[in-house]
Amino acid sequence: MGALTHESLVEYLLEEAYEVAETIETDGSDAELKAELGDVLLQVVLHARLAEERNAFTLDDVARGLHAKMVRRNPHVFRPDGTLQESFPATVEDVVRTYDAVKRSEQVLHSSAETSRHAALGGVPAALPALARAQKLLDRAERAGLPVAAQPVEVPATEAELGDLLFAMAAAARDRGLDAERALRGANRRFQSGPAPAPAGEPSE
């Protein structure tokens, strides 16, 4: 095995994160969850150590940055000095609205040239599995008040039935020589970009 690098560790970081998710979703024991979380934490430590060796940042810097971001993005919870507020918003909607407003202001500072759509839907990792990314994009769109022009479909009543339907669609796509994951990645990109501009002389929808 060669020297460890950020790039060579990516597959292990993803694997450990998925193992945490699997442990939670399959009702694993607390001992199993503790062990899997430790494996994820080890990946964080390794990446921070590699960064420290090239004088970029340390694990303490990571923790301080996280603390500062939590305080900055959650003014409904923290005072500027990091201490807790005496009272909190009454509803989840208030919390989400405050958080999104702060995050949008950060995005504007980083790239004022971005369109409002890109600003609202930006920051969702392209490396996410296509289905997880679709759900994230839809969440962001809803919170930003963006229209979702999706075709209406009949959705099963339970997650188990929905899973079976998605599996059947993947199987049918495979039989036709189509890649369901790639197809959804393309749909995600089209949704993120927004409707194509109408040709000259034609009204936009």
N, C-alpha and C. Protein backbone atom coordinates (compact mmCIF):
# COMPACT_ATOMS: atom_id res chain seq x y z
N MET A 1 0.85 -1.20 0.00
CA MET A 1 0.00 0.00 0.00
C MET A 1 0.88 1.25 0.00
N GLY A 2 0.58 2.19 -0.87
CA GLY A 2 1.37 3.40 -0.96
C GLY A 2 1.06 4.37 0.16
N ALA A 3 1.70 5.53 0.08
CA ALA A 3 1.49 6.55 1.09
C ALA A 3 0.04 7.03 1.05
N LEU A 4 -0.48 7.33 2.23
CA LEU A 4 -1.86 7.82 2.32
C LEU A 4 -1.95 9.23 1.76
N THR A 5 -3.02 9.48 1.02
CA THR A 5 -3.32 10.83 0.51
C THR A 5 -4.80 11.09 0.72
N HIS A 6 -5.19 12.36 0.59
CA HIS A 6 -6.62 12.67 0.68
C HIS A 6 -7.40 11.86 -0.37
N GLU A 7 -6.82 11.80 -1.58
CA GLU A 7 -7.51 11.11 -2.67
C GLU A 7 -7.65 9.61 -2.38
N SER A 8 -6.57 8.98 -1.88
CA SER A 8 -6.63 7.54 -1.65
C SER A 8 -7.57 7.18 -0.50
N LEU A 9 -7.87 8.13 0.38
CA LEU A 9 -8.74 7.86 1.52
C LEU A 9 -10.22 8.09 1.23
N VAL A 10 -10.54 8.71 0.10
CA VAL A 10 -11.94 9.04 -0.19
C VAL A 10 -12.83 7.81 -0.14
N GLU A 11 -12.41 6.72 -0.78
CA GLU A 11 -13.27 5.53 -0.82
C GLU A 11 -13.55 5.00 0.59
N TYR A 12 -12.59 5.13 1.49
CA TYR A 12 -12.80 4.63 2.85
C TYR A 12 -13.73 5.55 3.65
N LEU A 13 -13.62 6.85 3.41
CA LEU A 13 -14.53 7.79 4.06
C LEU A 13 -15.97 7.52 3.65
N LEU A 14 -16.19 7.31 2.35
CA LEU A 14 -17.54 7.02 1.87
C LEU A 14 -18.03 5.68 2.42
N GLU A 15 -17.16 4.67 2.40
CA GLU A 15 -17.55 3.35 2.90
C GLU A 15 -17.95 3.40 4.37
N GLU A 16 -17.15 4.10 5.17
CA GLU A 16 -17.46 4.18 6.61
C GLU A 16 -18.76 4.95 6.85
N ALA A 17 -19.01 6.01 6.07
CA ALA A 17 -20.25 6.77 6.23
C ALA A 17 -21.46 5.89 5.89
N TYR A 18 -21.34 5.10 4.82
CA TYR A 18 -22.45 4.21 4.45
C TYR A 18 -22.66 3.13 5.50
N GLU A 19 -21.58 2.68 6.15
CA GLU A 19 -21.72 1.66 7.19
C GLU A 19 -22.45 2.23 8.40
N VAL A 20 -22.23 3.51 8.70
CA VAL A 20 -22.99 4.15 9.78
C VAL A 20 -24.47 4.17 9.41
N ALA A 21 -24.77 4.58 8.18
CA ALA A 21 -26.17 4.63 7.73
C ALA A 21 -26.81 3.25 7.80
N GLU A 22 -26.08 2.22 7.36
CA GLU A 22 -26.63 0.87 7.38
C GLU A 22 -26.90 0.41 8.81
N THR A 23 -25.98 0.72 9.72
CA THR A 23 -26.16 0.33 11.12
C THR A 23 -27.42 0.96 11.71
N ILE A 24 -27.65 2.23 11.39
CA ILE A 24 -28.84 2.92 11.89
C ILE A 24 -30.11 2.35 11.28
N GLU A 25 -30.10 2.15 9.95
CA GLU A 25 -31.31 1.74 9.25
C GLU A 25 -31.68 0.27 9.49
N THR A 26 -30.70 -0.53 9.93
CA THR A 26 -30.98 -1.94 10.22
C THR A 26 -31.08 -2.20 11.71
N ASP A 27 -31.28 -1.12 12.49
CA ASP A 27 -31.44 -1.23 13.94
C ASP A 27 -30.27 -1.93 14.62
N GLY A 28 -29.05 -1.54 14.21
CA GLY A 28 -27.87 -2.09 14.85
C GLY A 28 -27.79 -1.67 16.31
N SER A 29 -26.99 -2.37 17.06
CA SER A 29 -26.87 -2.07 18.49
C SER A 29 -26.11 -0.78 18.72
N ASP A 30 -26.21 -0.25 19.93
CA ASP A 30 -25.45 0.95 20.29
C ASP A 30 -23.96 0.69 20.18
N ALA A 31 -23.53 -0.52 20.52
CA ALA A 31 -22.11 -0.86 20.42
C ALA A 31 -21.64 -0.82 18.97
N GLU A 32 -22.49 -1.33 18.06
CA GLU A 32 -22.14 -1.29 16.64
C GLU A 32 -22.09 0.14 16.13
N LEU A 33 -23.07 0.95 16.52
CA LEU A 33 -23.10 2.34 16.08
C LEU A 33 -21.89 3.09 16.61
N LYS A 34 -21.53 2.85 17.86
CA LYS A 34 -20.36 3.51 18.45
C LYS A 34 -19.10 3.16 17.66
N ALA A 35 -18.96 1.89 17.30
CA ALA A 35 -17.79 1.46 16.55
C ALA A 35 -17.75 2.10 15.16
N GLU A 36 -18.90 2.14 14.49
CA GLU A 36 -18.94 2.72 13.13
C GLU A 36 -18.68 4.22 13.17
N LEU A 37 -19.22 4.91 14.16
CA LEU A 37 -18.94 6.35 14.29
C LEU A 37 -17.45 6.57 14.55
N GLY A 38 -16.84 5.68 15.31
CA GLY A 38 -15.41 5.79 15.54
C GLY A 38 -14.62 5.65 14.26
N ASP A 39 -15.08 4.75 13.37
CA ASP A 39 -14.40 4.59 12.09
C ASP A 39 -14.49 5.86 11.24
N VAL A 40 -15.65 6.52 11.28
CA VAL A 40 -15.80 7.78 10.55
C VAL A 40 -14.89 8.84 11.16
N LEU A 41 -14.87 8.90 12.48
CA LEU A 41 -14.01 9.88 13.16
C LEU A 41 -12.54 9.65 12.80
N LEU A 42 -12.14 8.39 12.68
CA LEU A 42 -10.76 8.10 12.29
C LEU A 42 -10.43 8.70 10.93
N GLN A 43 -11.38 8.64 10.01
CA GLN A 43 -11.15 9.23 8.69
C GLN A 43 -10.94 10.73 8.79
N VAL A 44 -11.72 11.39 9.65
CA VAL A 44 -11.55 12.83 9.86
C VAL A 44 -10.16 13.11 10.41
N VAL A 45 -9.74 12.32 11.39
CA VAL A 45 -8.42 12.50 12.00
C VAL A 45 -7.32 12.31 10.96
N LEU A 46 -7.45 11.28 10.12
CA LEU A 46 -6.42 11.02 9.10
C LEU A 46 -6.31 12.17 8.11
N HIS A 47 -7.45 12.67 7.64
CA HIS A 47 -7.41 13.79 6.69
C HIS A 47 -6.80 15.03 7.34
N ALA A 48 -7.16 15.29 8.59
CA ALA A 48 -6.59 16.44 9.29
C ALA A 48 -5.09 16.28 9.49
N ARG A 49 -4.65 15.06 9.77
CA ARG A 49 -3.23 14.81 9.95
C ARG A 49 -2.45 15.03 8.67
N LEU A 50 -2.99 14.56 7.56
CA LEU A 50 -2.35 14.79 6.27
C LEU A 50 -2.23 16.28 5.98
N ALA A 51 -3.29 17.03 6.30
CA ALA A 51 -3.26 18.48 6.09
C ALA A 51 -2.23 19.14 7.00
N GLU A 52 -2.14 18.65 8.22
CA GLU A 52 -1.17 19.22 9.16
C GLU A 52 0.26 18.99 8.68
N GLU A 53 0.51 17.85 8.07
CA GLU A 53 1.86 17.54 7.58
C GLU A 53 2.30 18.48 6.46
N ARG A 54 1.34 19.07 5.74
CA ARG A 54 1.70 20.05 4.72
C ARG A 54 1.40 21.47 5.17
N ASN A 55 1.25 21.63 6.50
CA ASN A 55 1.05 22.95 7.11
C ASN A 55 -0.17 23.69 6.57
N ALA A 56 -1.23 22.93 6.31
CA ALA A 56 -2.46 23.55 5.81
C ALA A 56 -3.41 23.87 6.96
N PHE A 57 -3.77 22.87 7.76
CA PHE A 57 -4.63 23.08 8.93
C PHE A 57 -4.50 21.86 9.84
N THR A 58 -5.01 21.99 11.06
CA THR A 58 -4.95 20.90 12.03
C THR A 58 -6.35 20.45 12.40
N LEU A 59 -6.45 19.38 13.18
CA LEU A 59 -7.74 18.92 13.67
C LEU A 59 -8.39 19.98 14.54
N ASP A 60 -7.59 20.70 15.32
CA ASP A 60 -8.13 21.80 16.13
C ASP A 60 -8.73 22.88 15.24
N ASP A 61 -8.09 23.17 14.11
CA ASP A 61 -8.63 24.16 13.17
C ASP A 61 -9.99 23.71 12.63
N VAL A 62 -10.11 22.41 12.35
CA VAL A 62 -11.37 21.88 11.86
C VAL A 62 -12.47 22.10 12.90
N ALA A 63 -12.16 21.79 14.16
CA ALA A 63 -13.14 21.94 15.23
C ALA A 63 -13.51 23.40 15.43
N ARG A 64 -12.51 24.29 15.39
CA ARG A 64 -12.79 25.72 15.56
C ARG A 64 -13.64 26.25 14.41
N GLY A 65 -13.34 25.80 13.19
CA GLY A 65 -14.14 26.23 12.04
C GLY A 65 -15.57 25.76 12.15
N LEU A 66 -15.77 24.53 12.62
CA LEU A 66 -17.12 24.00 12.80
C LEU A 66 -17.86 24.81 13.86
N HIS A 67 -17.19 25.12 14.95
CA HIS A 67 -17.81 25.91 16.02
C HIS A 67 -18.24 27.27 15.50
N ALA A 68 -17.35 27.92 14.76
CA ALA A 68 -17.66 29.25 14.23
C ALA A 68 -18.84 29.19 13.26
N LYS A 69 -18.89 28.14 12.43
CA LYS A 69 -19.99 28.02 11.46
C LYS A 69 -21.31 27.76 12.17
N MET A 70 -21.29 26.92 13.20
CA MET A 70 -22.53 26.64 13.94
C MET A 70 -23.07 27.91 14.59
N VAL A 71 -22.18 28.70 15.16
CA VAL A 71 -22.61 29.96 15.80
C VAL A 71 -23.14 30.92 14.75
N ARG A 72 -22.42 31.03 13.62
CA ARG A 72 -22.80 31.98 12.56
C ARG A 72 -24.12 31.61 11.91
N ARG A 73 -24.35 30.33 11.68
CA ARG A 73 -25.54 29.89 10.95
C ARG A 73 -26.75 29.65 11.85
N ASN A 74 -26.55 29.71 13.15
CA ASN A 74 -27.66 29.45 14.06
C ASN A 74 -27.80 30.56 15.10
N PRO A 75 -28.01 31.80 14.63
CA PRO A 75 -28.13 32.91 15.58
C PRO A 75 -29.37 32.79 16.47
N HIS A 76 -30.30 31.91 16.07
CA HIS A 76 -31.48 31.67 16.90
C HIS A 76 -31.13 30.80 18.10
N VAL A 77 -29.97 30.17 18.07
CA VAL A 77 -29.52 29.30 19.17
C VAL A 77 -28.38 29.92 19.96
N PHE A 78 -27.41 30.52 19.22
CA PHE A 78 -26.20 31.03 19.86
C PHE A 78 -26.10 32.55 19.78
N ARG A 79 -25.54 33.14 20.80
CA ARG A 79 -25.11 34.53 20.73
C ARG A 79 -23.79 34.58 19.96
N PRO A 80 -23.36 35.77 19.50
CA PRO A 80 -22.11 35.87 18.74
C PRO A 80 -20.89 35.31 19.49
N ASP A 81 -20.94 35.33 20.84
CA ASP A 81 -19.80 34.80 21.60
C ASP A 81 -19.89 33.29 21.81
N GLY A 82 -20.92 32.65 21.25
CA GLY A 82 -21.03 31.21 21.34
C GLY A 82 -21.88 30.71 22.49
N THR A 83 -22.30 31.57 23.38
CA THR A 83 -23.17 31.14 24.47
C THR A 83 -24.60 30.99 23.95
N LEU A 84 -25.41 30.22 24.67
CA LEU A 84 -26.77 29.95 24.23
C LEU A 84 -27.69 31.14 24.44
N GLN A 85 -28.62 31.33 23.48
CA GLN A 85 -29.65 32.34 23.64
C GLN A 85 -30.59 31.94 24.78
N GLU A 86 -31.24 32.91 25.37
CA GLU A 86 -32.16 32.62 26.46
C GLU A 86 -33.48 32.03 25.96
N SER A 87 -33.84 32.35 24.72
CA SER A 87 -35.08 31.81 24.15
C SER A 87 -34.80 31.37 22.72
N PHE A 88 -35.68 30.51 22.20
CA PHE A 88 -35.48 29.96 20.88
C PHE A 88 -36.74 30.17 20.04
N PRO A 89 -36.63 30.14 18.69
CA PRO A 89 -37.82 30.27 17.85
C PRO A 89 -38.84 29.20 18.21
N ALA A 90 -40.10 29.54 17.99
CA ALA A 90 -41.17 28.65 18.43
C ALA A 90 -41.38 27.45 17.51
N THR A 91 -41.01 27.57 16.24
CA THR A 91 -41.33 26.51 15.28
C THR A 91 -40.08 26.07 14.51
N VAL A 92 -40.18 24.87 13.95
CA VAL A 92 -39.11 24.37 13.09
C VAL A 92 -38.96 25.26 11.87
N GLU A 93 -40.08 25.79 11.37
CA GLU A 93 -40.04 26.65 10.19
C GLU A 93 -39.19 27.90 10.47
N ASP A 94 -39.31 28.46 11.68
CA ASP A 94 -38.51 29.62 12.04
C ASP A 94 -37.02 29.28 12.03
N VAL A 95 -36.69 28.11 12.55
CA VAL A 95 -35.29 27.68 12.59
C VAL A 95 -34.74 27.53 11.18
N VAL A 96 -35.49 26.84 10.31
CA VAL A 96 -35.04 26.61 8.94
C VAL A 96 -34.92 27.93 8.19
N ARG A 97 -35.88 28.84 8.38
CA ARG A 97 -35.85 30.13 7.70
C ARG A 97 -34.62 30.93 8.10
N THR A 98 -34.31 30.95 9.39
CA THR A 98 -33.14 31.68 9.87
C THR A 98 -31.86 31.08 9.31
N TYR A 99 -31.75 29.76 9.38
CA TYR A 99 -30.56 29.06 8.91
C TYR A 99 -30.34 29.34 7.41
N ASP A 100 -31.41 29.21 6.61
CA ASP A 100 -31.29 29.41 5.17
C ASP A 100 -30.89 30.84 4.84
N ALA A 101 -31.43 31.82 5.58
CA ALA A 101 -31.11 33.22 5.31
C ALA A 101 -29.63 33.48 5.54
N VAL A 102 -29.08 32.94 6.61
CA VAL A 102 -27.65 33.13 6.89
C VAL A 102 -26.81 32.44 5.83
N LYS A 103 -27.20 31.22 5.46
CA LYS A 103 -26.43 30.48 4.47
C LYS A 103 -26.45 31.17 3.12
N ARG A 104 -27.61 31.72 2.74
CA ARG A 104 -27.69 32.45 1.46
C ARG A 104 -26.79 33.67 1.48
N SER A 105 -26.71 34.36 2.60
CA SER A 105 -25.85 35.54 2.69
C SER A 105 -24.40 35.15 2.53
N GLU A 106 -24.01 33.98 3.03
CA GLU A 106 -22.64 33.49 2.86
C GLU A 106 -22.37 33.19 1.40
N GLN A 107 -23.34 32.57 0.73
CA GLN A 107 -23.15 32.23 -0.68
C GLN A 107 -23.03 33.48 -1.53
N VAL A 108 -23.78 34.52 -1.21
CA VAL A 108 -23.68 35.77 -1.95
C VAL A 108 -22.30 36.38 -1.80
N LEU A 109 -21.75 36.31 -0.60
CA LEU A 109 -20.41 36.84 -0.36
C LEU A 109 -19.36 36.08 -1.16
N HIS A 110 -19.55 34.76 -1.28
CA HIS A 110 -18.56 33.95 -1.98
C HIS A 110 -18.67 34.10 -3.50
N SER A 111 -19.89 34.32 -4.01
CA SER A 111 -20.07 34.41 -5.45
C SER A 111 -21.30 35.25 -5.75
N SER A 112 -21.10 36.56 -5.80
CA SER A 112 -22.22 37.48 -6.01
C SER A 112 -22.77 37.39 -7.42
N ALA A 113 -22.02 36.74 -8.33
CA ALA A 113 -22.47 36.65 -9.72
C ALA A 113 -23.43 35.50 -9.95
N GLU A 114 -23.59 34.63 -8.98
CA GLU A 114 -24.48 33.50 -9.15
C GLU A 114 -25.94 33.94 -9.27
N THR A 115 -26.71 33.20 -10.06
CA THR A 115 -28.14 33.47 -10.13
C THR A 115 -28.78 33.02 -8.83
N SER A 116 -29.99 33.52 -8.59
CA SER A 116 -30.69 33.13 -7.37
C SER A 116 -30.95 31.63 -7.35
N ARG A 117 -31.21 31.03 -8.52
CA ARG A 117 -31.46 29.60 -8.58
C ARG A 117 -30.21 28.82 -8.21
N HIS A 118 -29.08 29.21 -8.79
CA HIS A 118 -27.83 28.52 -8.48
C HIS A 118 -27.47 28.72 -7.01
N ALA A 119 -27.73 29.89 -6.49
CA ALA A 119 -27.42 30.14 -5.09
C ALA A 119 -28.27 29.26 -4.18
N ALA A 120 -29.55 29.10 -4.54
CA ALA A 120 -30.46 28.30 -3.72
C ALA A 120 -30.14 26.82 -3.79
N LEU A 121 -29.71 26.35 -4.97
CA LEU A 121 -29.50 24.91 -5.17
C LEU A 121 -28.03 24.53 -5.10
N GLY A 122 -27.16 25.51 -4.91
CA GLY A 122 -25.73 25.22 -4.84
C GLY A 122 -25.36 24.53 -3.54
N GLY A 123 -24.19 23.94 -3.53
CA GLY A 123 -23.69 23.32 -2.31
C GLY A 123 -24.14 21.89 -2.09
N VAL A 124 -24.96 21.34 -2.99
CA VAL A 124 -25.33 19.93 -2.88
C VAL A 124 -24.26 19.13 -3.61
N PRO A 125 -23.51 18.28 -2.92
CA PRO A 125 -22.37 17.60 -3.54
C PRO A 125 -22.75 16.80 -4.78
N ALA A 126 -22.02 17.02 -5.86
CA ALA A 126 -22.29 16.28 -7.09
C ALA A 126 -21.97 14.80 -6.93
N ALA A 127 -21.14 14.46 -5.94
CA ALA A 127 -20.74 13.06 -5.74
C ALA A 127 -21.79 12.25 -5.00
N LEU A 128 -22.83 12.90 -4.50
CA LEU A 128 -23.90 12.15 -3.84
C LEU A 128 -24.55 11.17 -4.82
N PRO A 129 -25.01 10.01 -4.34
CA PRO A 129 -25.82 9.16 -5.21
C PRO A 129 -26.99 9.97 -5.78
N ALA A 130 -27.35 9.66 -7.01
CA ALA A 130 -28.31 10.50 -7.74
C ALA A 130 -29.63 10.68 -7.00
N LEU A 131 -30.14 9.60 -6.37
CA LEU A 131 -31.42 9.70 -5.69
C LEU A 131 -31.32 10.60 -4.46
N ALA A 132 -30.24 10.45 -3.70
CA ALA A 132 -30.04 11.30 -2.53
C ALA A 132 -29.88 12.76 -2.95
N ARG A 133 -29.19 12.97 -4.06
CA ARG A 133 -28.98 14.35 -4.55
C ARG A 133 -30.30 14.95 -5.04
N ALA A 134 -31.14 14.15 -5.68
CA ALA A 134 -32.44 14.64 -6.14
C ALA A 134 -33.27 15.13 -4.96
N GLN A 135 -33.27 14.36 -3.88
CA GLN A 135 -34.05 14.74 -2.70
C GLN A 135 -33.50 16.02 -2.08
N LYS A 136 -32.17 16.15 -2.04
CA LYS A 136 -31.57 17.37 -1.49
C LYS A 136 -31.93 18.58 -2.34
N LEU A 137 -31.85 18.43 -3.66
CA LEU A 137 -32.19 19.55 -4.55
C LEU A 137 -33.65 19.95 -4.39
N LEU A 138 -34.53 18.96 -4.25
CA LEU A 138 -35.95 19.26 -4.08
C LEU A 138 -36.21 19.96 -2.75
N ASP A 139 -35.50 19.53 -1.69
CA ASP A 139 -35.61 20.21 -0.39
C ASP A 139 -35.20 21.66 -0.51
N ARG A 140 -34.06 21.89 -1.15
CA ARG A 140 -33.56 23.27 -1.31
C ARG A 140 -34.54 24.11 -2.13
N ALA A 141 -35.08 23.52 -3.20
CA ALA A 141 -36.00 24.26 -4.06
C ALA A 141 -37.26 24.65 -3.29
N GLU A 142 -37.78 23.72 -2.51
CA GLU A 142 -38.99 24.01 -1.73
C GLU A 142 -38.74 25.15 -0.74
N ARG A 143 -37.62 25.09 -0.05
CA ARG A 143 -37.31 26.11 0.95
C ARG A 143 -37.06 27.47 0.31
N ALA A 144 -36.59 27.47 -0.95
CA ALA A 144 -36.34 28.73 -1.64
C ALA A 144 -37.55 29.22 -2.42
N GLY A 145 -38.64 28.43 -2.44
CA GLY A 145 -39.83 28.82 -3.16
C GLY A 145 -39.71 28.68 -4.67
N LEU A 146 -38.81 27.81 -5.14
CA LEU A 146 -38.65 27.60 -6.57
C LEU A 146 -39.67 26.59 -7.08
N PRO A 147 -40.20 26.77 -8.27
CA PRO A 147 -41.18 25.82 -8.80
C PRO A 147 -40.53 24.49 -9.15
N VAL A 148 -41.25 23.42 -8.95
CA VAL A 148 -40.78 22.08 -9.30
C VAL A 148 -41.73 21.52 -10.33
N ALA A 149 -41.31 21.54 -11.59
CA ALA A 149 -42.18 21.09 -12.68
C ALA A 149 -41.98 19.60 -12.93
N ALA A 150 -42.24 18.79 -11.92
CA ALA A 150 -42.09 17.34 -12.04
C ALA A 150 -43.40 16.71 -12.49
N GLN A 151 -43.29 15.64 -13.28
CA GLN A 151 -44.49 14.96 -13.74
C GLN A 151 -45.18 14.26 -12.55
N PRO A 152 -46.51 14.39 -12.44
CA PRO A 152 -47.20 13.74 -11.33
C PRO A 152 -47.16 12.22 -11.47
N VAL A 153 -46.85 11.54 -10.38
CA VAL A 153 -46.83 10.07 -10.38
C VAL A 153 -47.54 9.58 -9.13
N GLU A 154 -48.04 8.36 -9.21
CA GLU A 154 -48.70 7.77 -8.06
C GLU A 154 -47.63 7.13 -7.17
N VAL A 155 -47.56 7.57 -5.93
CA VAL A 155 -46.52 7.11 -5.01
C VAL A 155 -47.11 6.07 -4.06
N PRO A 156 -46.42 4.94 -3.85
CA PRO A 156 -46.92 3.92 -2.90
C PRO A 156 -47.05 4.48 -1.50
N ALA A 157 -47.77 3.78 -0.67
CA ALA A 157 -48.08 4.28 0.67
C ALA A 157 -46.94 4.09 1.65
N THR A 158 -46.05 3.12 1.40
CA THR A 158 -44.99 2.85 2.36
C THR A 158 -43.62 2.93 1.69
N GLU A 159 -42.57 3.09 2.52
CA GLU A 159 -41.22 3.13 1.98
C GLU A 159 -40.83 1.78 1.39
N ALA A 160 -41.31 0.69 1.99
CA ALA A 160 -40.99 -0.64 1.46
C ALA A 160 -41.55 -0.79 0.04
N GLU A 161 -42.80 -0.36 -0.16
CA GLU A 161 -43.41 -0.45 -1.49
C GLU A 161 -42.70 0.49 -2.47
N LEU A 162 -42.33 1.66 -1.98
CA LEU A 162 -41.60 2.60 -2.84
C LEU A 162 -40.26 2.01 -3.24
N GLY A 163 -39.58 1.37 -2.28
CA GLY A 163 -38.30 0.74 -2.60
C GLY A 163 -38.44 -0.33 -3.65
N ASP A 164 -39.50 -1.13 -3.54
CA ASP A 164 -39.74 -2.18 -4.54
C ASP A 164 -40.00 -1.58 -5.91
N LEU A 165 -40.73 -0.45 -5.94
CA LEU A 165 -41.03 0.20 -7.21
C LEU A 165 -39.74 0.75 -7.84
N LEU A 166 -38.92 1.39 -7.03
CA LEU A 166 -37.65 1.93 -7.54
C LEU A 166 -36.75 0.81 -8.06
N PHE A 167 -36.74 -0.30 -7.32
CA PHE A 167 -35.93 -1.45 -7.75
C PHE A 167 -36.44 -1.99 -9.09
N ALA A 168 -37.77 -2.07 -9.22
CA ALA A 168 -38.36 -2.56 -10.47
C ALA A 168 -38.03 -1.62 -11.63
N MET A 169 -38.03 -0.30 -11.37
CA MET A 169 -37.69 0.65 -12.42
C MET A 169 -36.23 0.50 -12.83
N ALA A 170 -35.34 0.29 -11.84
CA ALA A 170 -33.94 0.09 -12.16
C ALA A 170 -33.75 -1.18 -13.00
N ALA A 171 -34.51 -2.24 -12.65
CA ALA A 171 -34.42 -3.49 -13.39
C ALA A 171 -34.92 -3.31 -14.82
N ALA A 172 -36.04 -2.59 -14.97
CA ALA A 172 -36.60 -2.36 -16.31
C ALA A 172 -35.65 -1.52 -17.16
N ALA A 173 -35.04 -0.51 -16.52
CA ALA A 173 -34.07 0.32 -17.25
C ALA A 173 -32.88 -0.51 -17.70
N ARG A 174 -32.41 -1.38 -16.82
CA ARG A 174 -31.27 -2.25 -17.16
C ARG A 174 -31.62 -3.15 -18.34
N ASP A 175 -32.84 -3.70 -18.35
CA ASP A 175 -33.26 -4.57 -19.45
C ASP A 175 -33.26 -3.83 -20.78
N ARG A 176 -33.48 -2.52 -20.73
CA ARG A 176 -33.50 -1.72 -21.96
C ARG A 176 -32.12 -1.13 -22.29
N GLY A 177 -31.13 -1.47 -21.49
CA GLY A 177 -29.79 -0.95 -21.74
C GLY A 177 -29.59 0.47 -21.24
N LEU A 178 -30.44 0.90 -20.33
CA LEU A 178 -30.34 2.25 -19.78
C LEU A 178 -29.70 2.20 -18.40
N ASP A 179 -29.01 3.26 -18.05
CA ASP A 179 -28.37 3.38 -16.73
C ASP A 179 -29.22 4.31 -15.88
N ALA A 180 -29.96 3.75 -14.90
CA ALA A 180 -30.88 4.56 -14.10
C ALA A 180 -30.16 5.62 -13.29
N GLU A 181 -29.00 5.29 -12.76
CA GLU A 181 -28.23 6.26 -11.97
C GLU A 181 -27.79 7.43 -12.84
N ARG A 182 -27.26 7.13 -14.01
CA ARG A 182 -26.81 8.19 -14.92
C ARG A 182 -27.99 9.02 -15.40
N ALA A 183 -29.12 8.36 -15.64
CA ALA A 183 -30.31 9.09 -16.10
C ALA A 183 -30.76 10.10 -15.05
N LEU A 184 -30.76 9.71 -13.79
CA LEU A 184 -31.19 10.62 -12.74
C LEU A 184 -30.16 11.73 -12.50
N ARG A 185 -28.88 11.41 -12.66
CA ARG A 185 -27.87 12.47 -12.57
C ARG A 185 -28.13 13.56 -13.61
N GLY A 186 -28.50 13.13 -14.82
CA GLY A 186 -28.81 14.09 -15.87
C GLY A 186 -30.04 14.93 -15.53
N ALA A 187 -31.07 14.28 -14.98
CA ALA A 187 -32.27 15.01 -14.58
C ALA A 187 -31.94 16.01 -13.47
N ASN A 188 -31.07 15.63 -12.56
CA ASN A 188 -30.66 16.55 -11.49
C ASN A 188 -29.98 17.78 -12.06
N ARG A 189 -29.09 17.57 -13.02
CA ARG A 189 -28.38 18.71 -13.63
C ARG A 189 -29.36 19.63 -14.35
N ARG A 190 -30.32 19.03 -15.07
CA ARG A 190 -31.30 19.86 -15.78
C ARG A 190 -32.15 20.65 -14.80
N PHE A 191 -32.53 20.02 -13.70
CA PHE A 191 -33.33 20.72 -12.69
C PHE A 191 -32.54 21.86 -12.07
N GLN A 192 -31.26 21.61 -11.78
CA GLN A 192 -30.43 22.63 -11.16
C GLN A 192 -30.20 23.82 -12.10
N SER A 193 -30.08 23.52 -13.40
CA SER A 193 -29.86 24.60 -14.38
C SER A 193 -31.11 25.41 -14.64
N GLY A 194 -32.27 24.79 -14.48
CA GLY A 194 -33.52 25.49 -14.73
C GLY A 194 -33.95 25.31 -16.16
N PRO A 195 -35.16 25.81 -16.50
CA PRO A 195 -35.69 25.67 -17.85
C PRO A 195 -34.76 26.32 -18.87
N ALA A 196 -34.62 25.68 -20.02
CA ALA A 196 -33.81 26.28 -21.09
C ALA A 196 -34.50 27.53 -21.61
N PRO A 197 -33.72 28.57 -21.96
CA PRO A 197 -34.34 29.79 -22.49
C PRO A 197 -35.10 29.53 -23.77
N ALA A 198 -36.22 30.19 -23.94
CA ALA A 198 -37.02 30.01 -25.14
C ALA A 198 -36.30 30.63 -26.34
N PRO A 199 -36.41 30.01 -27.55
CA PRO A 199 -35.82 30.59 -28.74
C PRO A 199 -36.36 32.00 -29.00
N ALA A 200 -35.56 32.80 -29.69
CA ALA A 200 -35.95 34.17 -29.99
C ALA A 200 -37.30 34.20 -30.70
N GLY A 201 -38.18 35.05 -30.24
CA GLY A 201 -39.50 35.20 -30.84
C GLY A 201 -40.56 34.31 -30.24
N GLU A 202 -40.12 33.37 -29.36
CA GLU A 202 -41.10 32.49 -28.73
C GLU A 202 -41.22 32.86 -27.27
N PRO A 203 -42.42 32.90 -26.73
CA PRO A 203 -42.60 33.22 -25.32
C PRO A 203 -42.06 32.11 -24.44
N SER A 204 -41.46 32.48 -23.28
CA SER A 204 -41.00 31.47 -22.35
C SER A 204 -42.18 30.94 -21.56
N GLU A 205 -42.04 29.69 -21.07
CA GLU A 205 -43.15 29.08 -20.33
C GLU A 205 -43.25 29.66 -18.95
